[in-house]
């Protein structure tokens, strides 16, 4: 019996489940300007994926890399969700959000 598919599937499920709240917290605390952190972490995971010979570990690291890359897109989408009022905004960054709403005609 080969459990690699179940192991990778479980790992990807957990990675996506962890990345979503991380993106929300990063946008809340620092805004979308910290997207580069996700890029750097994603590149590190991608390089690590190339360095492992074990297919399962390499696949999991590759999935983590591309989850970070997708997180960059989600960082910008999260700001739009905050601007629409779907997520709470950081009160310390209220002036920024108000300026963005005026820019976007909201």
PDB file of N, CA and C in Angstrom:
ATOM      1  N   UNK A   1       0.851  -1.179   0.000  1.00  0.00           N
ATOM      2  CA  UNK A   1       0.000   0.000   0.000  1.00  0.00           C
ATOM      3  C   UNK A   1       0.895   1.241   0.000  1.00  0.00           C
ATOM      4  N   UNK A   2       0.576   2.189  -0.868  1.00  0.00           N
ATOM      5  CA  UNK A   2       1.349   3.413  -0.993  1.00  0.00           C
ATOM      6  C   UNK A   2       0.569   4.555  -0.341  1.00  0.00           C
ATOM      7  N   UNK A   3       1.128   5.109   0.721  1.00  0.00           N
ATOM      8  CA  UNK A   3       0.456   6.187   1.462  1.00  0.00           C
ATOM      9  C   UNK A   3       0.915   7.579   1.039  1.00  0.00           C
ATOM     10  N   UNK A   4       1.805   7.678   0.053  1.00  0.00           N
ATOM     11  CA  UNK A   4       2.336   8.991  -0.339  1.00  0.00           C
ATOM     12  C   UNK A   4       1.245   9.982  -0.724  1.00  0.00           C
ATOM     13  N   UNK A   5       0.252   9.543  -1.475  1.00  0.00           N
ATOM     14  CA  UNK A   5      -0.831  10.446  -1.887  1.00  0.00           C
ATOM     15  C   UNK A   5      -1.604  10.992  -0.701  1.00  0.00           C
ATOM     16  N   UNK A   6      -1.888  10.121   0.265  1.00  0.00           N
ATOM     17  CA  UNK A   6      -2.618  10.552   1.471  1.00  0.00           C
ATOM     18  C   UNK A   6      -1.761  11.503   2.302  1.00  0.00           C
ATOM     19  N   UNK A   7      -0.475  11.209   2.405  1.00  0.00           N
ATOM     20  CA  UNK A   7       0.438  12.075   3.171  1.00  0.00           C
ATOM     21  C   UNK A   7       0.529  13.450   2.524  1.00  0.00           C
ATOM     22  N   UNK A   8       0.733  13.482   1.208  1.00  0.00           N
ATOM     23  CA  UNK A   8       0.843  14.767   0.496  1.00  0.00           C
ATOM     24  C   UNK A   8      -0.485  15.525   0.569  1.00  0.00           C
ATOM     25  N   UNK A   9      -1.595  14.824   0.356  1.00  0.00           N
ATOM     26  CA  UNK A   9      -2.903  15.475   0.426  1.00  0.00           C
ATOM     27  C   UNK A   9      -3.166  16.091   1.790  1.00  0.00           C
ATOM     28  N   UNK A  10      -2.834  15.367   2.837  1.00  0.00           N
ATOM     29  CA  UNK A  10      -3.012  15.886   4.198  1.00  0.00           C
ATOM     30  C   UNK A  10      -2.116  17.097   4.435  1.00  0.00           C
ATOM     31  N   UNK A  11      -0.862  16.994   3.984  1.00  0.00           N
ATOM     32  CA  UNK A  11       0.067  18.112   4.165  1.00  0.00           C
ATOM     33  C   UNK A  11      -0.409  19.357   3.422  1.00  0.00           C
ATOM     34  N   UNK A  12      -0.880  19.184   2.195  1.00  0.00           N
ATOM     35  CA  UNK A  12      -1.370  20.328   1.414  1.00  0.00           C
ATOM     36  C   UNK A  12      -2.594  20.945   2.081  1.00  0.00           C
ATOM     37  N   UNK A  13      -3.488  20.099   2.561  1.00  0.00           N
ATOM     38  CA  UNK A  13      -4.666  20.585   3.279  1.00  0.00           C
ATOM     39  C   UNK A  13      -4.251  21.439   4.481  1.00  0.00           C
ATOM     40  N   UNK A  14      -3.285  20.958   5.249  1.00  0.00           N
ATOM     41  CA  UNK A  14      -2.811  21.706   6.420  1.00  0.00           C
ATOM     42  C   UNK A  14      -2.082  22.984   6.024  1.00  0.00           C
ATOM     43  N   UNK A  15      -1.281  22.920   4.969  1.00  0.00           N
ATOM     44  CA  UNK A  15      -0.549  24.110   4.512  1.00  0.00           C
ATOM     45  C   UNK A  15      -1.520  25.203   4.098  1.00  0.00           C
ATOM     46  N   UNK A  16      -2.528  24.848   3.323  1.00  0.00           N
ATOM     47  CA  UNK A  16      -3.519  25.842   2.894  1.00  0.00           C
ATOM     48  C   UNK A  16      -4.279  26.373   4.105  1.00  0.00           C
ATOM     49  N   UNK A  17      -4.619  25.487   5.019  1.00  0.00           N
ATOM     50  CA  UNK A  17      -5.332  25.912   6.224  1.00  0.00           C
ATOM     51  C   UNK A  17      -4.517  26.842   7.104  1.00  0.00           C
ATOM     52  N   UNK A  18      -3.209  26.689   7.081  1.00  0.00           N
ATOM     53  CA  UNK A  18      -2.326  27.561   7.873  1.00  0.00           C
ATOM     54  C   UNK A  18      -2.069  28.871   7.139  1.00  0.00           C
ATOM     55  N   UNK A  19      -1.905  28.813   5.821  1.00  0.00           N
ATOM     56  CA  UNK A  19      -1.574  30.022   5.047  1.00  0.00           C
ATOM     57  C   UNK A  19      -2.698  31.054   5.064  1.00  0.00           C
ATOM     58  N   UNK A  20      -3.943  30.607   5.015  1.00  0.00           N
ATOM     59  CA  UNK A  20      -5.057  31.559   4.960  1.00  0.00           C
ATOM     60  C   UNK A  20      -5.077  32.503   6.171  1.00  0.00           C
ATOM     61  N   UNK A  21      -5.046  32.005   7.403  1.00  0.00           N
ATOM     62  CA  UNK A  21      -5.029  32.946   8.529  1.00  0.00           C
ATOM     63  C   UNK A  21      -3.745  33.769   8.610  1.00  0.00           C
ATOM     64  N   UNK A  22      -2.632  33.207   8.124  1.00  0.00           N
ATOM     65  CA  UNK A  22      -1.389  33.982   8.129  1.00  0.00           C
ATOM     66  C   UNK A  22      -1.527  35.201   7.234  1.00  0.00           C
ATOM     67  N   UNK A  23      -2.099  35.023   6.044  1.00  0.00           N
ATOM     68  CA  UNK A  23      -2.307  36.149   5.119  1.00  0.00           C
ATOM     69  C   UNK A  23      -3.226  37.190   5.755  1.00  0.00           C
ATOM     70  N   UNK A  24      -4.285  36.748   6.406  1.00  0.00           N
ATOM     71  CA  UNK A  24      -5.220  37.684   7.048  1.00  0.00           C
ATOM     72  C   UNK A  24      -4.501  38.482   8.132  1.00  0.00           C
ATOM     73  N   UNK A  25      -3.720  37.811   8.969  1.00  0.00           N
ATOM     74  CA  UNK A  25      -2.997  38.498  10.052  1.00  0.00           C
ATOM     75  C   UNK A  25      -1.929  39.436   9.513  1.00  0.00           C
ATOM     76  N   UNK A  26      -1.229  39.010   8.455  1.00  0.00           N
ATOM     77  CA  UNK A  26      -0.200  39.880   7.883  1.00  0.00           C
ATOM     78  C   UNK A  26      -0.825  41.147   7.319  1.00  0.00           C
ATOM     79  N   UNK A  27      -1.925  41.003   6.590  1.00  0.00           N
ATOM     80  CA  UNK A  27      -2.576  42.186   6.018  1.00  0.00           C
ATOM     81  C   UNK A  27      -3.105  43.076   7.133  1.00  0.00           C
ATOM     82  N   UNK A  28      -3.668  42.493   8.171  1.00  0.00           N
ATOM     83  CA  UNK A  28      -4.216  43.277   9.280  1.00  0.00           C
ATOM     84  C   UNK A  28      -3.118  44.089   9.957  1.00  0.00           C
ATOM     85  N   UNK A  29      -1.975  43.473  10.225  1.00  0.00           N
ATOM     86  CA  UNK A  29      -0.918  44.139  10.973  1.00  0.00           C
ATOM     87  C   UNK A  29      -0.031  45.038  10.128  1.00  0.00           C
ATOM     88  N   UNK A  30       0.287  44.616   8.901  1.00  0.00           N
ATOM     89  CA  UNK A  30       1.268  45.367   8.110  1.00  0.00           C
ATOM     90  C   UNK A  30       0.756  45.825   6.759  1.00  0.00           C
ATOM     91  N   UNK A  31      -0.399  45.371   6.340  1.00  0.00           N
ATOM     92  CA  UNK A  31      -0.916  45.753   5.032  1.00  0.00           C
ATOM     93  C   UNK A  31      -0.290  44.931   3.923  1.00  0.00           C
ATOM     94  N   UNK A  32      -0.667  45.267   2.707  1.00  0.00           N
ATOM     95  CA  UNK A  32      -0.201  44.475   1.562  1.00  0.00           C
ATOM     96  C   UNK A  32       1.267  44.713   1.235  1.00  0.00           C
ATOM     97  N   UNK A  33       1.880  45.702   1.867  1.00  0.00           N
ATOM     98  CA  UNK A  33       3.280  46.002   1.570  1.00  0.00           C
ATOM     99  C   UNK A  33       4.231  44.882   2.002  1.00  0.00           C
ATOM    100  N   UNK A  34       3.732  43.910   2.765  1.00  0.00           N
ATOM    101  CA  UNK A  34       4.594  42.805   3.213  1.00  0.00           C
ATOM    102  C   UNK A  34       4.473  41.587   2.305  1.00  0.00           C
ATOM    103  N   UNK A  35       3.968  41.763   1.099  1.00  0.00           N
ATOM    104  CA  UNK A  35       3.836  40.650   0.159  1.00  0.00           C
ATOM    105  C   UNK A  35       5.170  39.998  -0.144  1.00  0.00           C
ATOM    106  N   UNK A  36       6.232  40.769  -0.079  1.00  0.00           N
ATOM    107  CA  UNK A  36       7.557  40.266  -0.401  1.00  0.00           C
ATOM    108  C   UNK A  36       8.011  39.174   0.574  1.00  0.00           C
ATOM    109  N   UNK A  37       7.476  39.193   1.796  1.00  0.00           N
ATOM    110  CA  UNK A  37       7.803  38.142   2.769  1.00  0.00           C
ATOM    111  C   UNK A  37       7.306  36.794   2.240  1.00  0.00           C
ATOM    112  N   UNK A  38       6.089  36.782   1.715  1.00  0.00           N
ATOM    113  CA  UNK A  38       5.552  35.553   1.141  1.00  0.00           C
ATOM    114  C   UNK A  38       6.369  35.109  -0.067  1.00  0.00           C
ATOM    115  N   UNK A  39       6.835  36.060  -0.861  1.00  0.00           N
ATOM    116  CA  UNK A  39       7.680  35.725  -2.004  1.00  0.00           C
ATOM    117  C   UNK A  39       8.981  35.084  -1.539  1.00  0.00           C
ATOM    118  N   UNK A  40       9.616  35.680  -0.542  1.00  0.00           N
ATOM    119  CA  UNK A  40      10.888  35.151  -0.039  1.00  0.00           C
ATOM    120  C   UNK A  40      10.718  33.754   0.552  1.00  0.00           C
ATOM    121  N   UNK A  41       9.683  33.568   1.358  1.00  0.00           N
ATOM    122  CA  UNK A  41       9.437  32.251   1.960  1.00  0.00           C
ATOM    123  C   UNK A  41       9.099  31.233   0.875  1.00  0.00           C
ATOM    124  N   UNK A  42       8.304  31.644  -0.094  1.00  0.00           N
ATOM    125  CA  UNK A  42       7.976  30.751  -1.200  1.00  0.00           C
ATOM    126  C   UNK A  42       9.210  30.334  -1.985  1.00  0.00           C
ATOM    127  N   UNK A  43      10.100  31.275  -2.237  1.00  0.00           N
ATOM    128  CA  UNK A  43      11.340  30.935  -2.951  1.00  0.00           C
ATOM    129  C   UNK A  43      12.211  29.988  -2.130  1.00  0.00           C
ATOM    130  N   UNK A  44      12.258  30.204  -0.817  1.00  0.00           N
ATOM    131  CA  UNK A  44      13.018  29.292   0.044  1.00  0.00           C
ATOM    132  C   UNK A  44      12.444  27.875   0.001  1.00  0.00           C
ATOM    133  N   UNK A  45      11.119  27.774   0.071  1.00  0.00           N
ATOM    134  CA  UNK A  45      10.489  26.456  -0.026  1.00  0.00           C
ATOM    135  C   UNK A  45      10.755  25.819  -1.393  1.00  0.00           C
ATOM    136  N   UNK A  46      10.719  26.625  -2.447  1.00  0.00           N
ATOM    137  CA  UNK A  46      10.953  26.099  -3.794  1.00  0.00           C
ATOM    138  C   UNK A  46      12.378  25.558  -3.930  1.00  0.00           C
ATOM    139  N   UNK A  47      13.344  26.313  -3.424  1.00  0.00           N
ATOM    140  CA  UNK A  47      14.732  25.854  -3.478  1.00  0.00           C
ATOM    141  C   UNK A  47      14.902  24.592  -2.631  1.00  0.00           C
ATOM    142  N   UNK A  48      14.298  24.589  -1.443  1.00  0.00           N
ATOM    143  CA  UNK A  48      14.376  23.401  -0.594  1.00  0.00           C
ATOM    144  C   UNK A  48      13.757  22.189  -1.288  1.00  0.00           C
ATOM    145  N   UNK A  49      12.674  22.415  -2.015  1.00  0.00           N
ATOM    146  CA  UNK A  49      12.021  21.336  -2.746  1.00  0.00           C
ATOM    147  C   UNK A  49      12.965  20.706  -3.775  1.00  0.00           C
ATOM    148  N   UNK A  50      13.788  21.529  -4.388  1.00  0.00           N
ATOM    149  CA  UNK A  50      14.743  21.026  -5.383  1.00  0.00           C
ATOM    150  C   UNK A  50      15.887  20.242  -4.754  1.00  0.00           C
ATOM    151  N   UNK A  51      16.138  20.479  -3.472  1.00  0.00           N
ATOM    152  CA  UNK A  51      17.280  19.868  -2.795  1.00  0.00           C
ATOM    153  C   UNK A  51      16.982  18.501  -2.186  1.00  0.00           C
ATOM    154  N   UNK A  52      15.725  18.140  -2.035  1.00  0.00           N
ATOM    155  CA  UNK A  52      15.374  16.860  -1.417  1.00  0.00           C
ATOM    156  C   UNK A  52      15.163  15.797  -2.482  1.00  0.00           C
ATOM    157  N   UNK A  53      15.733  14.635  -2.243  1.00  0.00           N
ATOM    158  CA  UNK A  53      15.559  13.520  -3.176  1.00  0.00           C
ATOM    159  C   UNK A  53      14.264  12.760  -2.908  1.00  0.00           C
ATOM    160  N   UNK A  54      13.808  12.793  -1.662  1.00  0.00           N
ATOM    161  CA  UNK A  54      12.569  12.101  -1.319  1.00  0.00           C
ATOM    162  C   UNK A  54      11.400  12.807  -2.006  1.00  0.00           C
ATOM    163  N   UNK A  55      10.663  12.076  -2.818  1.00  0.00           N
ATOM    164  CA  UNK A  55       9.575  12.655  -3.609  1.00  0.00           C
ATOM    165  C   UNK A  55       8.477  13.250  -2.738  1.00  0.00           C
ATOM    166  N   UNK A  56       8.145  12.588  -1.662  1.00  0.00           N
ATOM    167  CA  UNK A  56       7.068  13.072  -0.797  1.00  0.00           C
ATOM    168  C   UNK A  56       7.442  14.408  -0.166  1.00  0.00           C
ATOM    169  N   UNK A  57       8.634  14.497   0.399  1.00  0.00           N
ATOM    170  CA  UNK A  57       9.074  15.748   1.038  1.00  0.00           C
ATOM    171  C   UNK A  57       9.205  16.853  -0.006  1.00  0.00           C
ATOM    172  N   UNK A  58       9.786  16.528  -1.148  1.00  0.00           N
ATOM    173  CA  UNK A  58       9.940  17.513  -2.214  1.00  0.00           C
ATOM    174  C   UNK A  58       8.581  18.048  -2.672  1.00  0.00           C
ATOM    175  N   UNK A  59       7.612  17.159  -2.794  1.00  0.00           N
ATOM    176  CA  UNK A  59       6.265  17.564  -3.216  1.00  0.00           C
ATOM    177  C   UNK A  59       5.609  18.466  -2.175  1.00  0.00           C
ATOM    178  N   UNK A  60       5.756  18.111  -0.923  1.00  0.00           N
ATOM    179  CA  UNK A  60       5.167  18.925   0.150  1.00  0.00           C
ATOM    180  C   UNK A  60       5.808  20.309   0.178  1.00  0.00           C
ATOM    181  N   UNK A  61       7.125  20.370   0.032  1.00  0.00           N
ATOM    182  CA  UNK A  61       7.811  21.674   0.013  1.00  0.00           C
ATOM    183  C   UNK A  61       7.404  22.492  -1.210  1.00  0.00           C
ATOM    184  N   UNK A  62       7.225  21.832  -2.340  1.00  0.00           N
ATOM    185  CA  UNK A  62       6.753  22.533  -3.538  1.00  0.00           C
ATOM    186  C   UNK A  62       5.348  23.080  -3.343  1.00  0.00           C
ATOM    187  N   UNK A  63       4.497  22.302  -2.699  1.00  0.00           N
ATOM    188  CA  UNK A  63       3.138  22.771  -2.413  1.00  0.00           C
ATOM    189  C   UNK A  63       3.169  23.959  -1.463  1.00  0.00           C
ATOM    190  N   UNK A  64       4.059  23.917  -0.485  1.00  0.00           N
ATOM    191  CA  UNK A  64       4.195  25.048   0.440  1.00  0.00           C
ATOM    192  C   UNK A  64       4.679  26.290  -0.310  1.00  0.00           C
ATOM    193  N   UNK A  65       5.610  26.099  -1.250  1.00  0.00           N
ATOM    194  CA  UNK A  65       6.119  27.227  -2.040  1.00  0.00           C
ATOM    195  C   UNK A  65       4.994  27.894  -2.815  1.00  0.00           C
ATOM    196  N   UNK A  66       4.207  27.091  -3.508  1.00  0.00           N
ATOM    197  CA  UNK A  66       3.164  27.676  -4.339  1.00  0.00           C
ATOM    198  C   UNK A  66       1.977  28.175  -3.517  1.00  0.00           C
ATOM    199  N   UNK A  67       1.816  27.678  -2.315  1.00  0.00           N
ATOM    200  CA  UNK A  67       0.817  28.250  -1.407  1.00  0.00           C
ATOM    201  C   UNK A  67       1.249  29.651  -0.975  1.00  0.00           C
ATOM    202  N   UNK A  68       2.542  29.827  -0.757  1.00  0.00           N
ATOM    203  CA  UNK A  68       3.055  31.169  -0.437  1.00  0.00           C
ATOM    204  C   UNK A  68       2.886  32.108  -1.624  1.00  0.00           C
ATOM    205  N   UNK A  69       3.162  31.604  -2.826  1.00  0.00           N
ATOM    206  CA  UNK A  69       2.983  32.444  -4.018  1.00  0.00           C
ATOM    207  C   UNK A  69       1.515  32.827  -4.190  1.00  0.00           C
ATOM    208  N   UNK A  70       0.618  31.909  -3.944  1.00  0.00           N
ATOM    209  CA  UNK A  70      -0.808  32.211  -4.020  1.00  0.00           C
ATOM    210  C   UNK A  70      -1.183  33.205  -2.919  1.00  0.00           C
ATOM    211  N   UNK A  71      -0.502  33.118  -1.783  1.00  0.00           N
ATOM    212  CA  UNK A  71      -0.748  34.045  -0.683  1.00  0.00           C
ATOM    213  C   UNK A  71      -0.483  35.493  -1.074  1.00  0.00           C
ATOM    214  N   UNK A  72       0.433  35.715  -2.014  1.00  0.00           N
ATOM    215  CA  UNK A  72       0.690  37.075  -2.501  1.00  0.00           C
ATOM    216  C   UNK A  72      -0.577  37.625  -3.147  1.00  0.00           C
ATOM    217  N   UNK A  73      -1.186  36.826  -3.999  1.00  0.00           N
ATOM    218  CA  UNK A  73      -2.458  37.232  -4.616  1.00  0.00           C
ATOM    219  C   UNK A  73      -3.514  37.481  -3.541  1.00  0.00           C
ATOM    220  N   UNK A  74      -3.578  36.586  -2.579  1.00  0.00           N
ATOM    221  CA  UNK A  74      -4.577  36.707  -1.521  1.00  0.00           C
ATOM    222  C   UNK A  74      -4.347  37.937  -0.645  1.00  0.00           C
ATOM    223  N   UNK A  75      -3.096  38.367  -0.509  1.00  0.00           N
ATOM    224  CA  UNK A  75      -2.789  39.565   0.281  1.00  0.00           C
ATOM    225  C   UNK A  75      -3.490  40.785  -0.329  1.00  0.00           C
ATOM    226  N   UNK A  76      -3.425  40.920  -1.644  1.00  0.00           N
ATOM    227  CA  UNK A  76      -4.070  42.040  -2.318  1.00  0.00           C
ATOM    228  C   UNK A  76      -5.593  41.888  -2.293  1.00  0.00           C
ATOM    229  N   UNK A  77      -6.063  40.661  -2.431  1.00  0.00           N
ATOM    230  CA  UNK A  77      -7.504  40.409  -2.362  1.00  0.00           C
ATOM    231  C   UNK A  77      -8.024  40.671  -0.951  1.00  0.00           C
ATOM    232  N   UNK A  78      -7.208  40.364   0.052  1.00  0.00           N
ATOM    233  CA  UNK A  78      -7.625  40.591   1.439  1.00  0.00           C
ATOM    234  C   UNK A  78      -7.809  42.083   1.707  1.00  0.00           C
ATOM    235  N   UNK A  79      -6.922  42.903   1.148  1.00  0.00           N
ATOM    236  CA  UNK A  79      -7.103  44.343   1.327  1.00  0.00           C
ATOM    237  C   UNK A  79      -8.432  44.792   0.734  1.00  0.00           C
ATOM    238  N   UNK A  80      -8.784  44.276  -0.443  1.00  0.00           N
ATOM    239  CA  UNK A  80     -10.075  44.636  -1.044  1.00  0.00           C
ATOM    240  C   UNK A  80     -11.233  44.169  -0.157  1.00  0.00           C
ATOM    241  N   UNK A  81     -11.108  42.987   0.447  1.00  0.00           N
ATOM    242  CA  UNK A  81     -12.165  42.501   1.339  1.00  0.00           C
ATOM    243  C   UNK A  81     -12.305  43.399   2.565  1.00  0.00           C
ATOM    244  N   UNK A  82     -11.183  43.883   3.082  1.00  0.00           N
ATOM    245  CA  UNK A  82     -11.222  44.798   4.229  1.00  0.00           C
ATOM    246  C   UNK A  82     -11.874  46.111   3.810  1.00  0.00           C
ATOM    247  N   UNK A  83     -11.504  46.620   2.654  1.00  0.00           N
ATOM    248  CA  UNK A  83     -12.076  47.879   2.174  1.00  0.00           C
ATOM    249  C   UNK A  83     -13.582  47.771   1.982  1.00  0.00           C
ATOM    250  N   UNK A  84     -14.064  46.620   1.596  1.00  0.00           N
ATOM    251  CA  UNK A  84     -15.506  46.403   1.422  1.00  0.00           C
ATOM    252  C   UNK A  84     -16.223  46.158   2.741  1.00  0.00           C
ATOM    253  N   UNK A  85     -15.455  45.988   3.819  1.00  0.00           N
ATOM    254  CA  UNK A  85     -16.062  45.768   5.125  1.00  0.00           C
ATOM    255  C   UNK A  85     -16.338  44.307   5.430  1.00  0.00           C
ATOM    256  N   UNK A  86     -15.791  43.396   4.642  1.00  0.00           N
ATOM    257  CA  UNK A  86     -16.021  41.972   4.859  1.00  0.00           C
ATOM    258  C   UNK A  86     -15.138  41.421   5.975  1.00  0.00           C
ATOM    259  N   UNK A  87     -14.017  42.108   6.247  1.00  0.00           N
ATOM    260  CA  UNK A  87     -13.104  41.743   7.325  1.00  0.00           C
ATOM    261  C   UNK A  87     -12.813  42.996   8.128  1.00  0.00           C
ATOM    262  N   UNK A  88     -12.491  42.857   9.412  1.00  0.00           N
ATOM    263  CA  UNK A  88     -12.202  44.044  10.221  1.00  0.00           C
ATOM    264  C   UNK A  88     -10.896  44.707   9.792  1.00  0.00           C
ATOM    265  N   UNK A  89     -10.891  46.032   9.878  1.00  0.00           N
ATOM    266  CA  UNK A  89      -9.666  46.760   9.561  1.00  0.00           C
ATOM    267  C   UNK A  89      -8.921  47.064  10.851  1.00  0.00           C
ATOM    268  N   UNK A  90      -7.631  47.208  10.735  1.00  0.00           N
ATOM    269  CA  UNK A  90      -6.789  47.564  11.865  1.00  0.00           C
ATOM    270  C   UNK A  90      -7.035  49.047  12.173  1.00  0.00           C
ATOM    271  N   UNK A  91      -7.502  49.374  13.388  1.00  0.00           N
ATOM    272  CA  UNK A  91      -7.779  50.782  13.704  1.00  0.00           C
ATOM    273  C   UNK A  91      -6.552  51.683  13.561  1.00  0.00           C
ATOM    274  N   UNK A  92      -5.368  51.117  13.733  1.00  0.00           N
ATOM    275  CA  UNK A  92      -4.142  51.899  13.602  1.00  0.00           C
ATOM    276  C   UNK A  92      -3.892  52.310  12.147  1.00  0.00           C
ATOM    277  N   UNK A  93      -4.537  51.619  11.219  1.00  0.00           N
ATOM    278  CA  UNK A  93      -4.340  51.900   9.800  1.00  0.00           C
ATOM    279  C   UNK A  93      -5.599  52.474   9.161  1.00  0.00           C
ATOM    280  N   UNK A  94      -6.498  53.039   9.969  1.00  0.00           N
ATOM    281  CA  UNK A  94      -7.773  53.550   9.467  1.00  0.00           C
ATOM    282  C   UNK A  94      -7.571  54.639   8.409  1.00  0.00           C
ATOM    283  N   UNK A  95      -6.635  55.536   8.637  1.00  0.00           N
ATOM    284  CA  UNK A  95      -6.406  56.627   7.676  1.00  0.00           C
ATOM    285  C   UNK A  95      -5.993  56.064   6.309  1.00  0.00           C
ATOM    286  N   UNK A  96      -5.179  55.032   6.318  1.00  0.00           N
ATOM    287  CA  UNK A  96      -4.761  54.406   5.063  1.00  0.00           C
ATOM    288  C   UNK A  96      -5.969  53.826   4.332  1.00  0.00           C
ATOM    289  N   UNK A  97      -6.812  53.101   5.061  1.00  0.00           N
ATOM    290  CA  UNK A  97      -7.982  52.488   4.432  1.00  0.00           C
ATOM    291  C   UNK A  97      -8.940  53.555   3.888  1.00  0.00           C
ATOM    292  N   UNK A  98      -9.121  54.612   4.620  1.00  0.00           N
ATOM    293  CA  UNK A  98      -9.994  55.690   4.139  1.00  0.00           C
ATOM    294  C   UNK A  98      -9.441  56.315   2.857  1.00  0.00           C
ATOM    295  N   UNK A  99      -8.131  56.529   2.817  1.00  0.00           N
ATOM    296  CA  UNK A  99      -7.512  57.082   1.606  1.00  0.00           C
ATOM    297  C   UNK A  99      -7.689  56.119   0.424  1.00  0.00           C
ATOM    298  N   UNK A 100      -7.517  54.824   0.671  1.00  0.00           N
ATOM    299  CA  UNK A 100      -7.710  53.825  -0.399  1.00  0.00           C
ATOM    300  C   UNK A 100      -9.162  53.795  -0.873  1.00  0.00           C
ATOM    301  N   UNK A 101     -10.110  53.926   0.063  1.00  0.00           N
ATOM    302  CA  UNK A 101     -11.518  53.936  -0.325  1.00  0.00           C
ATOM    303  C   UNK A 101     -11.808  55.147  -1.221  1.00  0.00           C
ATOM    304  N   UNK A 102     -11.240  56.286  -0.909  1.00  0.00           N
ATOM    305  CA  UNK A 102     -11.441  57.475  -1.743  1.00  0.00           C
ATOM    306  C   UNK A 102     -10.821  57.283  -3.125  1.00  0.00           C
ATOM    307  N   UNK A 103      -9.622  56.683  -3.158  1.00  0.00           N
ATOM    308  CA  UNK A 103      -8.964  56.403  -4.434  1.00  0.00           C
ATOM    309  C   UNK A 103      -9.823  55.511  -5.321  1.00  0.00           C
ATOM    310  N   UNK A 104     -10.460  54.523  -4.686  1.00  0.00           N
ATOM    311  CA  UNK A 104     -11.234  53.533  -5.426  1.00  0.00           C
ATOM    312  C   UNK A 104     -12.686  53.958  -5.644  1.00  0.00           C
ATOM    313  N   UNK A 105     -13.055  55.098  -5.089  1.00  0.00           N
ATOM    314  CA  UNK A 105     -14.405  55.589  -5.258  1.00  0.00           C
ATOM    315  C   UNK A 105     -15.446  54.798  -4.473  1.00  0.00           C
ATOM    316  N   UNK A 106     -15.038  54.309  -3.336  1.00  0.00           N
ATOM    317  CA  UNK A 106     -15.958  53.504  -2.508  1.00  0.00           C
ATOM    318  C   UNK A 106     -16.660  54.380  -1.495  1.00  0.00           C
TER     319      UNK A 106
END
